[in-house]
Amino acid sequence: ADPEVRFSALRAIGKLDQDVLATQIHAFVSRLEHPVADVRWAALQALSLIDPATLASSAFKITRKLEHVDAGVRQAAVEALGKLDRQALSGVCEQLVNRLEDVDS
């Protein structure tokens, strides 16, 4: 994916209302498995814009990206998970703590 297009799309997505973003959560989550790391990164960035209460339903799928080979994808996953409330975060605490040992940091 062209980085300029990706960033432009993210800027546009960032202007959307939370209700509209919530209707697209499945589209973003499905792109977490895209073969191109930049697309997975962009999907995580879009997910991080979604209301934390809605985002919580996708925490497990986002958590799986904490082990991704691409450091940018791992960082975007941490940032998206960081939007969650304490209750939702408690379910992924161990995986987040493991990122403290991330070799690319």
N, C-alpha and C. Protein backbone atom coordinates (compact mmCIF):
# COMPACT_ATOMS: atom_id res chain seq x y z
N ALA A 1 0.85 -1.19 0.00
CA ALA A 1 0.00 0.00 0.00
C ALA A 1 0.89 1.24 0.00
N ASP A 2 0.49 2.19 -0.78
CA ASP A 2 1.22 3.45 -0.86
C ASP A 2 1.05 4.20 0.46
N PRO A 3 2.16 4.55 1.14
CA PRO A 3 2.05 5.23 2.43
C PRO A 3 1.25 6.53 2.37
N GLU A 4 1.37 7.27 1.29
CA GLU A 4 0.62 8.53 1.17
C GLU A 4 -0.88 8.27 1.14
N VAL A 5 -1.29 7.26 0.41
CA VAL A 5 -2.71 6.92 0.34
C VAL A 5 -3.20 6.44 1.70
N ARG A 6 -2.39 5.60 2.35
CA ARG A 6 -2.75 5.08 3.67
C ARG A 6 -2.96 6.22 4.67
N PHE A 7 -2.02 7.15 4.71
CA PHE A 7 -2.14 8.26 5.66
C PHE A 7 -3.31 9.17 5.31
N SER A 8 -3.56 9.38 4.03
CA SER A 8 -4.71 10.19 3.63
C SER A 8 -6.02 9.53 4.05
N ALA A 9 -6.08 8.23 3.86
CA ALA A 9 -7.28 7.49 4.27
C ALA A 9 -7.47 7.58 5.78
N LEU A 10 -6.37 7.46 6.53
CA LEU A 10 -6.48 7.54 7.99
C LEU A 10 -6.92 8.93 8.44
N ARG A 11 -6.43 9.97 7.77
CA ARG A 11 -6.88 11.33 8.11
C ARG A 11 -8.38 11.46 7.89
N ALA A 12 -8.86 10.92 6.76
CA ALA A 12 -10.29 10.99 6.47
C ALA A 12 -11.09 10.17 7.48
N ILE A 13 -10.62 8.97 7.79
CA ILE A 13 -11.31 8.12 8.76
C ILE A 13 -11.36 8.80 10.11
N GLY A 14 -10.29 9.50 10.48
CA GLY A 14 -10.23 10.19 11.76
C GLY A 14 -11.27 11.27 11.92
N LYS A 15 -11.83 11.74 10.83
CA LYS A 15 -12.86 12.78 10.88
C LYS A 15 -14.27 12.20 11.05
N LEU A 16 -14.39 10.91 10.94
CA LEU A 16 -15.71 10.28 11.02
C LEU A 16 -16.23 10.25 12.45
N ASP A 17 -17.52 10.29 12.56
CA ASP A 17 -18.20 10.19 13.84
C ASP A 17 -18.00 8.78 14.42
N GLN A 18 -17.94 8.69 15.74
CA GLN A 18 -17.76 7.39 16.41
C GLN A 18 -18.81 6.37 16.00
N ASP A 19 -20.04 6.81 15.80
CA ASP A 19 -21.10 5.87 15.39
C ASP A 19 -20.83 5.29 14.01
N VAL A 20 -20.32 6.12 13.12
CA VAL A 20 -19.99 5.65 11.77
C VAL A 20 -18.81 4.70 11.84
N LEU A 21 -17.78 5.05 12.59
CA LEU A 21 -16.62 4.16 12.74
C LEU A 21 -17.02 2.80 13.28
N ALA A 22 -17.92 2.80 14.24
CA ALA A 22 -18.35 1.54 14.86
C ALA A 22 -19.00 0.61 13.84
N THR A 23 -19.66 1.19 12.83
CA THR A 23 -20.29 0.34 11.81
C THR A 23 -19.26 -0.33 10.92
N GLN A 24 -18.03 0.16 10.94
CA GLN A 24 -16.97 -0.37 10.08
C GLN A 24 -15.96 -1.24 10.83
N ILE A 25 -16.22 -1.52 12.09
CA ILE A 25 -15.23 -2.25 12.89
C ILE A 25 -14.88 -3.61 12.26
N HIS A 26 -15.85 -4.29 11.69
CA HIS A 26 -15.57 -5.61 11.10
C HIS A 26 -14.67 -5.47 9.87
N ALA A 27 -14.83 -4.38 9.13
CA ALA A 27 -13.96 -4.15 7.96
C ALA A 27 -12.52 -3.95 8.41
N PHE A 28 -12.33 -3.19 9.50
CA PHE A 28 -10.99 -2.96 10.01
C PHE A 28 -10.39 -4.24 10.58
N VAL A 29 -11.19 -4.98 11.35
CA VAL A 29 -10.70 -6.22 11.96
C VAL A 29 -10.32 -7.24 10.89
N SER A 30 -11.11 -7.32 9.82
CA SER A 30 -10.79 -8.29 8.76
C SER A 30 -9.46 -7.96 8.10
N ARG A 31 -9.07 -6.69 8.09
CA ARG A 31 -7.80 -6.30 7.49
C ARG A 31 -6.60 -6.58 8.39
N LEU A 32 -6.83 -7.03 9.60
CA LEU A 32 -5.72 -7.41 10.48
C LEU A 32 -5.00 -8.64 9.94
N GLU A 33 -5.65 -9.39 9.06
CA GLU A 33 -5.05 -10.59 8.48
C GLU A 33 -4.57 -10.36 7.04
N HIS A 34 -4.59 -9.13 6.59
CA HIS A 34 -4.16 -8.82 5.23
C HIS A 34 -2.69 -9.21 5.05
N PRO A 35 -2.30 -9.68 3.86
CA PRO A 35 -0.92 -10.10 3.65
C PRO A 35 0.12 -8.97 3.69
N VAL A 36 -0.32 -7.72 3.56
CA VAL A 36 0.61 -6.59 3.56
C VAL A 36 0.61 -5.93 4.94
N ALA A 37 1.80 -5.83 5.54
CA ALA A 37 1.93 -5.28 6.89
C ALA A 37 1.39 -3.85 6.98
N ASP A 38 1.59 -3.04 5.94
CA ASP A 38 1.09 -1.67 5.97
C ASP A 38 -0.43 -1.61 6.10
N VAL A 39 -1.10 -2.56 5.48
CA VAL A 39 -2.57 -2.60 5.58
C VAL A 39 -2.97 -3.00 7.00
N ARG A 40 -2.27 -3.96 7.58
CA ARG A 40 -2.56 -4.36 8.97
C ARG A 40 -2.32 -3.17 9.91
N TRP A 41 -1.23 -2.43 9.67
CA TRP A 41 -0.94 -1.25 10.48
C TRP A 41 -2.06 -0.22 10.36
N ALA A 42 -2.49 0.06 9.14
CA ALA A 42 -3.55 1.04 8.92
C ALA A 42 -4.85 0.59 9.59
N ALA A 43 -5.14 -0.70 9.53
CA ALA A 43 -6.35 -1.21 10.18
C ALA A 43 -6.28 -0.99 11.69
N LEU A 44 -5.13 -1.23 12.28
CA LEU A 44 -4.96 -1.01 13.72
C LEU A 44 -5.09 0.47 14.06
N GLN A 45 -4.55 1.33 13.21
CA GLN A 45 -4.69 2.76 13.44
C GLN A 45 -6.16 3.16 13.40
N ALA A 46 -6.90 2.63 12.45
CA ALA A 46 -8.33 2.94 12.35
C ALA A 46 -9.07 2.41 13.57
N LEU A 47 -8.72 1.21 14.01
CA LEU A 47 -9.37 0.64 15.19
C LEU A 47 -9.11 1.49 16.42
N SER A 48 -7.95 2.09 16.50
CA SER A 48 -7.63 2.92 17.68
C SER A 48 -8.49 4.17 17.76
N LEU A 49 -9.19 4.51 16.67
CA LEU A 49 -10.07 5.67 16.65
C LEU A 49 -11.49 5.35 17.13
N ILE A 50 -11.77 4.06 17.28
CA ILE A 50 -13.11 3.62 17.65
C ILE A 50 -13.31 3.74 19.15
N ASP A 51 -14.52 4.04 19.53
CA ASP A 51 -14.90 4.15 20.93
C ASP A 51 -14.41 2.92 21.70
N PRO A 52 -13.74 3.12 22.85
CA PRO A 52 -13.19 2.00 23.61
C PRO A 52 -14.20 0.91 23.96
N ALA A 53 -15.43 1.28 24.25
CA ALA A 53 -16.44 0.28 24.60
C ALA A 53 -16.72 -0.64 23.41
N THR A 54 -16.74 -0.08 22.22
CA THR A 54 -16.96 -0.87 21.00
C THR A 54 -15.71 -1.65 20.65
N LEU A 55 -14.56 -1.04 20.82
CA LEU A 55 -13.28 -1.66 20.50
C LEU A 55 -13.02 -2.90 21.36
N ALA A 56 -13.53 -2.92 22.56
CA ALA A 56 -13.27 -4.03 23.48
C ALA A 56 -13.66 -5.38 22.88
N SER A 57 -14.67 -5.40 22.02
CA SER A 57 -15.10 -6.67 21.42
C SER A 57 -14.03 -7.24 20.48
N SER A 58 -13.08 -6.43 20.08
CA SER A 58 -12.02 -6.88 19.17
C SER A 58 -10.67 -7.01 19.86
N ALA A 59 -10.64 -6.90 21.16
CA ALA A 59 -9.37 -6.92 21.90
C ALA A 59 -8.55 -8.18 21.63
N PHE A 60 -9.20 -9.33 21.58
CA PHE A 60 -8.47 -10.57 21.37
C PHE A 60 -7.77 -10.57 20.01
N LYS A 61 -8.48 -10.15 18.97
CA LYS A 61 -7.88 -10.14 17.63
C LYS A 61 -6.75 -9.13 17.54
N ILE A 62 -6.89 -8.00 18.23
CA ILE A 62 -5.82 -7.00 18.25
C ILE A 62 -4.61 -7.55 19.01
N THR A 63 -4.87 -8.23 20.11
CA THR A 63 -3.80 -8.80 20.93
C THR A 63 -2.94 -9.76 20.12
N ARG A 64 -3.53 -10.48 19.20
CA ARG A 64 -2.75 -11.42 18.38
C ARG A 64 -1.67 -10.70 17.57
N LYS A 65 -1.84 -9.41 17.30
CA LYS A 65 -0.86 -8.65 16.53
C LYS A 65 0.32 -8.19 17.38
N LEU A 66 0.27 -8.43 18.69
CA LEU A 66 1.40 -8.08 19.55
C LEU A 66 2.61 -8.94 19.26
N GLU A 67 2.40 -10.06 18.60
CA GLU A 67 3.50 -10.98 18.25
C GLU A 67 3.89 -10.86 16.79
N HIS A 68 3.38 -9.87 16.09
CA HIS A 68 3.64 -9.73 14.65
C HIS A 68 5.12 -9.47 14.40
N VAL A 69 5.61 -9.93 13.28
CA VAL A 69 7.02 -9.76 12.92
C VAL A 69 7.38 -8.29 12.68
N ASP A 70 6.44 -7.48 12.24
CA ASP A 70 6.69 -6.07 11.94
C ASP A 70 6.51 -5.23 13.20
N ALA A 71 7.55 -4.48 13.57
CA ALA A 71 7.51 -3.66 14.79
C ALA A 71 6.42 -2.58 14.73
N GLY A 72 6.17 -2.04 13.56
CA GLY A 72 5.14 -1.02 13.41
C GLY A 72 3.75 -1.57 13.69
N VAL A 73 3.52 -2.80 13.27
CA VAL A 73 2.23 -3.45 13.54
C VAL A 73 2.10 -3.72 15.04
N ARG A 74 3.19 -4.19 15.66
CA ARG A 74 3.14 -4.43 17.11
C ARG A 74 2.85 -3.13 17.86
N GLN A 75 3.52 -2.05 17.46
CA GLN A 75 3.31 -0.77 18.13
C GLN A 75 1.88 -0.28 17.95
N ALA A 76 1.35 -0.42 16.75
CA ALA A 76 -0.03 0.01 16.50
C ALA A 76 -1.02 -0.82 17.33
N ALA A 77 -0.71 -2.11 17.51
CA ALA A 77 -1.57 -2.96 18.34
C ALA A 77 -1.55 -2.49 19.79
N VAL A 78 -0.36 -2.17 20.29
CA VAL A 78 -0.25 -1.67 21.68
C VAL A 78 -1.04 -0.37 21.82
N GLU A 79 -0.91 0.52 20.84
CA GLU A 79 -1.62 1.79 20.91
C GLU A 79 -3.13 1.60 20.87
N ALA A 80 -3.61 0.69 20.03
CA ALA A 80 -5.05 0.42 19.97
C ALA A 80 -5.54 -0.16 21.29
N LEU A 81 -4.78 -1.11 21.84
CA LEU A 81 -5.17 -1.70 23.12
C LEU A 81 -5.13 -0.67 24.24
N GLY A 82 -4.24 0.29 24.13
CA GLY A 82 -4.14 1.34 25.13
C GLY A 82 -5.38 2.21 25.22
N LYS A 83 -6.24 2.15 24.23
CA LYS A 83 -7.50 2.91 24.23
C LYS A 83 -8.57 2.24 25.09
N LEU A 84 -8.35 0.97 25.42
CA LEU A 84 -9.36 0.21 26.17
C LEU A 84 -9.43 0.65 27.63
N ASP A 85 -10.56 0.39 28.25
CA ASP A 85 -10.70 0.70 29.68
C ASP A 85 -10.00 -0.38 30.50
N ARG A 86 -9.91 -0.15 31.80
CA ARG A 86 -9.17 -1.07 32.68
C ARG A 86 -9.71 -2.49 32.64
N GLN A 87 -11.02 -2.62 32.62
CA GLN A 87 -11.61 -3.96 32.63
C GLN A 87 -11.21 -4.74 31.38
N ALA A 88 -11.31 -4.11 30.22
CA ALA A 88 -10.94 -4.78 28.98
C ALA A 88 -9.44 -5.07 28.93
N LEU A 89 -8.64 -4.15 29.45
CA LEU A 89 -7.18 -4.34 29.45
C LEU A 89 -6.73 -5.47 30.37
N SER A 90 -7.49 -5.71 31.41
CA SER A 90 -7.09 -6.77 32.34
C SER A 90 -7.00 -8.12 31.65
N GLY A 91 -7.78 -8.33 30.61
CA GLY A 91 -7.74 -9.59 29.89
C GLY A 91 -6.53 -9.76 29.00
N VAL A 92 -5.81 -8.67 28.73
CA VAL A 92 -4.63 -8.75 27.86
C VAL A 92 -3.36 -8.27 28.57
N CYS A 93 -3.44 -8.18 29.87
CA CYS A 93 -2.33 -7.65 30.67
C CYS A 93 -1.03 -8.40 30.42
N GLU A 94 -1.06 -9.71 30.47
CA GLU A 94 0.16 -10.50 30.31
C GLU A 94 0.82 -10.24 28.96
N GLN A 95 0.02 -10.19 27.90
CA GLN A 95 0.56 -9.95 26.57
C GLN A 95 1.19 -8.56 26.47
N LEU A 96 0.57 -7.58 27.11
CA LEU A 96 1.14 -6.23 27.09
C LEU A 96 2.44 -6.16 27.88
N VAL A 97 2.48 -6.80 29.02
CA VAL A 97 3.70 -6.82 29.83
C VAL A 97 4.84 -7.48 29.04
N ASN A 98 4.53 -8.50 28.28
CA ASN A 98 5.55 -9.16 27.47
C ASN A 98 6.16 -8.21 26.44
N ARG A 99 5.43 -7.21 26.02
CA ARG A 99 5.96 -6.24 25.04
C ARG A 99 7.04 -5.37 25.66
N LEU A 100 7.15 -5.35 26.99
CA LEU A 100 8.23 -4.59 27.63
C LEU A 100 9.59 -5.16 27.25
N GLU A 101 9.60 -6.39 26.80
CA GLU A 101 10.82 -7.05 26.38
C GLU A 101 10.99 -7.05 24.86
N ASP A 102 10.23 -6.22 24.17
CA ASP A 102 10.26 -6.18 22.71
C ASP A 102 11.67 -5.88 22.22
N VAL A 103 12.17 -6.71 21.34
CA VAL A 103 13.55 -6.59 20.87
C VAL A 103 13.80 -5.38 19.98
N ASP A 104 12.75 -4.82 19.37
CA ASP A 104 12.92 -3.67 18.49
C ASP A 104 12.80 -2.35 19.20
N SER A 105 12.60 -2.36 20.53
CA SER A 105 12.42 -1.09 21.23
C SER A 105 13.71 -0.60 21.84
